Amino acid sequence: MICLLLCCSACATQVAEKPLTALEPGGQPPIAFQRAALSPHNGGTLIGEQLLRAGDILLSAANGITSAGIRLFTLAPVSHAALYIGNGEVAEAVGEGVRVRSVAEVLDEESVVVAFRHPTLDDAAAARIRSFAQEKVGDRYNYVGVMMQAPFSIERRLCELPTVPASIRDACINGLATVQLGNSSAGDDRFFCSQFVLEAYREAGHPITKSNPTWVSPADILHMREGDVSSIQVDQPLTYVGHLKFPPAPAPVVRVPDGA
């Protein structure tokens, strides 16, 4: 029970190389914590589809049980990852396999959709991502990879306890992943959502991380954004583009005085 509580409460941190700089004006904080906030009510921007570029990564969450379960295991506000490939189209790996659908369909089905961008992705690389996605349409879903992710998502929390140095955390997660998930992918014809996104970037010559794509969840991609603390080593932090959809802010609670 204690181990389970520790795993569920773990939060990756980044300890500053020079903690005393926090005492200086504008200095780096001694410890940076992984950020779970995703709502634009905490400082975001609502954007339209026209601001997307081919290659942008869309992270989302739905209101269903499956999405809620993934978010519970990964302790993150997102449960799905997809690729915008241009012309109003989104490529993604889902239960029925790799498919392409419109942005409008994505927004209709998901409760929150947020876009991130690889800052050095050029038009040629974006075209390679689109080509990769189109070639994989119809390929099967990696059910085995997803099922193996569930226990890994819990046990890796021991590697992410606060104040654990990044180098030790990275070695711990890599070692655990190698033992539990293996070093090979499911092949070239089976993908789950975040694996599909990372494979597309690798094929385009712009890898986001050196870690095996089958080790990475949508939550991991979220924490690869600029200014966050990633549990997995990042080659290139992602920039925030904006929210395409977000749930309305909760209505304020109005208290009626007794006797009113």
Protein backbone atom coordinates (compact mmCIF):
# COMPACT_ATOMS: atom_id res chain seq x y z
CA MET A 1 0.00 0.00 0.00
CA ILE A 2 2.81 2.43 0.88
CA CYS A 3 4.51 1.68 -2.43
CA LEU A 4 1.27 2.34 -4.31
CA LEU A 5 0.79 5.68 -2.56
CA LEU A 6 4.35 6.70 -3.38
CA CYS A 7 3.90 5.76 -7.02
CA CYS A 8 0.66 7.68 -7.36
CA SER A 9 2.01 10.78 -5.63
CA ALA A 10 5.29 10.93 -7.52
CA CYS A 11 6.04 14.09 -9.44
CA ALA A 12 9.16 14.54 -11.55
CA THR A 13 11.29 17.52 -10.56
CA GLN A 14 14.28 19.37 -11.96
CA VAL A 15 16.87 20.50 -9.42
CA ALA A 16 18.82 23.60 -10.43
CA GLU A 17 22.58 23.21 -10.87
CA LYS A 18 23.05 26.39 -8.80
CA PRO A 19 20.17 26.52 -6.27
CA LEU A 20 21.34 29.85 -4.83
CA THR A 21 20.45 31.62 -8.09
CA ALA A 22 16.86 31.59 -6.83
CA LEU A 23 17.88 34.39 -4.47
CA GLU A 24 18.81 36.61 -7.41
CA PRO A 25 16.22 38.75 -9.29
CA GLY A 26 14.72 36.56 -12.00
CA GLY A 27 16.83 33.63 -10.87
CA GLN A 28 16.04 30.02 -11.66
CA PRO A 29 13.96 28.33 -8.91
CA PRO A 30 15.92 25.71 -6.96
CA ILE A 31 13.37 23.02 -7.84
CA ALA A 32 11.02 22.98 -10.85
CA PHE A 33 8.01 20.67 -10.71
CA GLN A 34 6.29 18.84 -13.54
CA ARG A 35 3.23 20.82 -14.62
CA ALA A 36 -0.16 19.14 -14.96
CA ALA A 37 -2.15 22.30 -15.76
CA LEU A 38 -3.55 22.37 -19.28
CA SER A 39 -6.58 24.63 -19.05
CA PRO A 40 -6.36 27.98 -20.85
CA HIS A 41 -8.09 29.46 -17.82
CA ASN A 42 -4.62 29.17 -16.26
CA GLY A 43 -2.99 31.11 -19.09
CA GLY A 44 -3.73 29.69 -22.53
CA THR A 45 -4.94 30.83 -25.94
CA LEU A 46 -7.94 29.66 -27.92
CA ILE A 47 -7.02 29.30 -31.60
CA GLY A 48 -8.69 28.31 -34.85
CA GLU A 49 -7.76 25.50 -37.20
CA GLN A 50 -6.19 28.00 -39.62
CA LEU A 51 -3.25 28.54 -37.24
CA LEU A 52 -2.19 24.90 -37.38
CA ARG A 53 0.79 23.76 -39.46
CA ALA A 54 1.45 20.31 -40.89
CA GLY A 55 3.34 18.31 -38.30
CA ASP A 56 1.70 19.92 -35.26
CA ILE A 57 0.95 17.49 -32.44
CA LEU A 58 -2.58 17.46 -31.03
CA LEU A 59 -3.06 16.21 -27.48
CA SER A 60 -6.60 15.63 -26.32
CA ALA A 61 -8.96 14.07 -23.80
CA ALA A 62 -12.52 12.84 -24.06
CA ASN A 63 -15.27 12.33 -21.51
CA GLY A 64 -15.40 8.53 -21.85
CA ILE A 65 -14.24 5.81 -19.45
CA THR A 66 -11.22 4.85 -21.57
CA SER A 67 -9.87 8.40 -21.59
CA ALA A 68 -10.48 8.75 -17.85
CA GLY A 69 -8.63 5.50 -17.19
CA ILE A 70 -5.58 6.58 -19.19
CA ARG A 71 -5.50 9.94 -17.42
CA LEU A 72 -5.72 8.18 -14.06
CA PHE A 73 -2.80 5.87 -14.84
CA THR A 74 -0.60 8.65 -16.23
CA LEU A 75 -1.70 11.42 -13.85
CA ALA A 76 -2.15 13.81 -16.77
CA PRO A 77 -5.03 15.80 -18.31
CA VAL A 78 -4.59 14.22 -21.76
CA SER A 79 -5.15 10.68 -23.01
CA HIS A 80 -4.63 10.80 -26.79
CA ALA A 81 -2.04 12.08 -29.28
CA ALA A 82 -2.50 12.74 -33.00
CA LEU A 83 -0.83 14.54 -35.90
CA TYR A 84 -2.14 17.43 -37.93
CA ILE A 85 -1.00 16.67 -41.50
CA GLY A 86 -2.40 19.72 -43.29
CA ASN A 87 -5.49 20.39 -45.42
CA GLY A 88 -7.73 20.16 -42.36
CA GLU A 89 -6.76 16.53 -41.74
CA VAL A 90 -5.61 14.70 -38.61
CA ALA A 91 -3.84 11.30 -38.62
CA GLU A 92 -4.08 9.10 -35.55
CA ALA A 93 -3.79 5.53 -34.29
CA VAL A 94 -7.00 4.34 -32.62
CA GLY A 95 -8.64 1.01 -31.84
CA GLU A 96 -9.65 0.30 -35.41
CA GLY A 97 -6.17 1.19 -36.68
CA VAL A 98 -4.45 4.20 -38.22
CA ARG A 99 -6.91 6.61 -39.81
CA VAL A 100 -7.24 10.13 -41.14
CA ARG A 101 -10.19 12.37 -40.26
CA SER A 102 -11.01 16.05 -40.23
CA VAL A 103 -10.19 18.55 -37.50
CA ALA A 104 -13.94 19.19 -37.19
CA GLU A 105 -14.52 15.53 -36.33
CA VAL A 106 -11.78 15.64 -33.70
CA LEU A 107 -13.26 18.74 -32.09
CA ASP A 108 -16.71 17.20 -32.10
CA GLU A 109 -15.56 14.07 -30.27
CA GLU A 110 -12.95 15.37 -27.81
CA SER A 111 -13.61 17.56 -24.77
CA VAL A 112 -10.22 19.30 -24.88
CA VAL A 113 -7.71 19.62 -27.75
CA VAL A 114 -4.38 21.42 -27.49
CA ALA A 115 -1.71 21.88 -30.17
CA PHE A 116 2.08 21.77 -29.79
CA ARG A 117 4.77 22.37 -32.42
CA HIS A 118 8.30 21.18 -33.10
CA PRO A 119 10.05 24.58 -33.42
CA THR A 120 12.61 23.52 -36.06
CA LEU A 121 10.30 21.44 -38.28
CA ASP A 122 10.58 22.66 -41.87
CA ASP A 123 8.24 22.14 -44.83
CA ALA A 124 10.22 19.19 -46.17
CA ALA A 125 10.08 17.35 -42.84
CA ALA A 126 6.38 18.16 -42.47
CA ALA A 127 5.80 16.64 -45.91
CA ARG A 128 7.61 13.48 -44.79
CA ILE A 129 5.38 13.29 -41.72
CA ARG A 130 2.29 13.60 -43.91
CA SER A 131 3.61 10.93 -46.29
CA PHE A 132 4.39 8.57 -43.40
CA ALA A 133 0.90 9.03 -41.94
CA GLN A 134 -0.84 8.43 -45.25
CA GLU A 135 1.22 5.30 -45.92
CA LYS A 136 0.24 3.86 -42.52
CA VAL A 137 -3.53 4.37 -42.90
CA GLY A 138 -5.21 1.03 -42.22
CA ASP A 139 -2.33 -0.39 -40.18
CA ARG A 140 -3.36 -2.17 -37.00
CA TYR A 141 -3.51 -0.83 -33.46
CA ASN A 142 -0.81 -1.87 -30.99
CA TYR A 143 -3.04 -3.36 -28.29
CA VAL A 144 -0.17 -5.28 -26.69
CA GLY A 145 1.88 -2.11 -26.32
CA VAL A 146 -0.99 -0.27 -24.64
CA MET A 147 -1.70 -3.12 -22.23
CA MET A 148 1.94 -3.22 -21.21
CA GLN A 149 1.94 0.55 -20.66
CA ALA A 150 -0.58 0.29 -17.79
CA PRO A 151 1.64 -1.40 -15.15
CA PHE A 152 4.68 0.50 -16.42
CA SER A 153 2.86 3.83 -15.88
CA ILE A 154 2.42 2.97 -12.21
CA GLU A 155 5.78 1.38 -11.42
CA ARG A 156 7.80 4.13 -13.11
CA ARG A 157 6.50 6.57 -10.46
CA LEU A 158 9.19 5.24 -8.14
CA CYS A 159 11.74 6.72 -10.57
CA GLU A 160 9.96 10.08 -10.51
CA LEU A 161 9.88 10.82 -6.80
CA PRO A 162 10.56 14.50 -6.00
CA THR A 163 14.23 15.63 -5.92
CA VAL A 164 15.47 12.51 -7.77
CA PRO A 165 18.21 13.88 -10.12
CA ALA A 166 17.30 13.86 -13.80
CA SER A 167 20.19 11.55 -14.72
CA ILE A 168 19.13 8.96 -12.14
CA ARG A 169 15.46 9.29 -13.11
CA ASP A 170 16.30 8.79 -16.78
CA ALA A 171 18.45 5.72 -16.07
CA CYS A 172 15.78 4.29 -13.78
CA ILE A 173 12.97 4.72 -16.33
CA ASN A 174 15.11 3.41 -19.19
CA GLY A 175 16.09 0.35 -17.18
CA LEU A 176 12.53 -0.37 -16.07
CA ALA A 177 11.20 0.14 -19.59
CA THR A 178 13.83 -2.17 -21.08
CA VAL A 179 12.87 -4.93 -18.64
CA GLN A 180 9.09 -4.48 -18.83
CA LEU A 181 8.51 -3.27 -22.37
CA GLY A 182 11.59 -4.40 -24.26
CA ASN A 183 13.74 -2.44 -26.69
CA SER A 184 11.97 -3.33 -29.92
CA SER A 185 8.85 -1.74 -31.35
CA ALA A 186 5.77 -3.75 -32.30
CA GLY A 187 6.86 -3.64 -35.93
CA ASP A 188 6.06 -1.33 -38.80
CA ASP A 189 2.36 -2.16 -38.95
CA ARG A 190 1.04 -1.68 -35.39
CA PHE A 191 0.88 1.58 -33.45
CA PHE A 192 -0.80 3.15 -30.46
CA CYS A 193 -1.39 6.90 -30.54
CA SER A 194 1.76 8.40 -29.00
CA GLN A 195 3.97 5.72 -30.58
CA PHE A 196 2.56 6.68 -33.99
CA VAL A 197 3.36 10.37 -33.42
CA LEU A 198 6.96 9.71 -32.36
CA GLU A 199 7.56 7.23 -35.17
CA ALA A 200 6.40 9.84 -37.69
CA TYR A 201 8.89 12.36 -36.33
CA ARG A 202 11.70 9.83 -36.38
CA GLU A 203 10.94 8.96 -39.98
CA ALA A 204 10.98 12.68 -40.81
CA GLY A 205 14.47 13.05 -39.32
CA HIS A 206 13.31 15.21 -36.41
CA PRO A 207 13.14 12.88 -33.38
CA ILE A 208 11.67 14.42 -30.25
CA THR A 209 13.31 11.87 -27.96
CA LYS A 210 15.80 9.03 -28.24
CA SER A 211 13.58 6.81 -26.11
CA ASN A 212 11.76 3.93 -27.75
CA PRO A 213 8.35 5.21 -28.98
CA THR A 214 6.60 2.24 -27.32
CA TRP A 215 7.73 3.59 -23.94
CA VAL A 216 6.07 6.99 -24.38
CA SER A 217 2.51 7.98 -23.46
CA PRO A 218 0.49 11.09 -24.44
CA ALA A 219 1.30 12.40 -20.95
CA ASP A 220 5.01 12.13 -21.69
CA ILE A 221 4.56 14.16 -24.87
CA LEU A 222 2.70 16.83 -22.87
CA HIS A 223 5.63 17.17 -20.47
CA MET A 224 8.04 17.52 -23.40
CA ARG A 225 6.75 21.09 -23.83
CA GLU A 226 8.98 24.08 -23.15
CA GLY A 227 9.17 25.09 -19.50
CA ASP A 228 8.00 21.71 -18.18
CA VAL A 229 9.91 18.87 -16.52
CA SER A 230 9.99 15.78 -18.70
CA SER A 231 10.46 12.36 -17.13
CA ILE A 232 11.93 11.12 -20.42
CA GLN A 233 14.96 12.70 -22.06
CA VAL A 234 13.93 15.23 -24.72
CA ASP A 235 15.90 16.04 -27.85
CA GLN A 236 13.71 19.02 -28.75
CA PRO A 237 11.14 20.65 -26.42
CA LEU A 238 7.79 21.43 -28.03
CA THR A 239 6.27 24.90 -28.18
CA TYR A 240 2.68 25.59 -27.21
CA VAL A 241 0.52 26.70 -30.15
CA GLY A 242 -2.85 27.01 -28.47
CA HIS A 243 -6.09 25.31 -27.53
CA LEU A 244 -8.48 24.31 -30.28
CA LYS A 245 -11.07 23.34 -27.69
CA PHE A 246 -11.36 23.44 -23.93
CA PRO A 247 -14.17 22.87 -21.42
CA PRO A 248 -15.84 25.95 -19.99
CA ALA A 249 -14.61 27.26 -16.67
CA PRO A 250 -16.60 25.90 -13.72
CA ALA A 251 -19.36 28.23 -12.59
CA PRO A 252 -18.57 30.08 -9.37
CA VAL A 253 -20.28 28.77 -6.27
CA VAL A 254 -22.77 31.32 -4.95
CA ARG A 255 -23.42 30.96 -1.26
CA VAL A 256 -26.79 32.14 -0.02
CA PRO A 257 -26.69 33.55 3.52
CA ASP A 258 -28.72 31.64 6.06
CA GLY A 259 -32.19 33.04 6.37
CA ALA A 260 -32.14 34.76 2.96
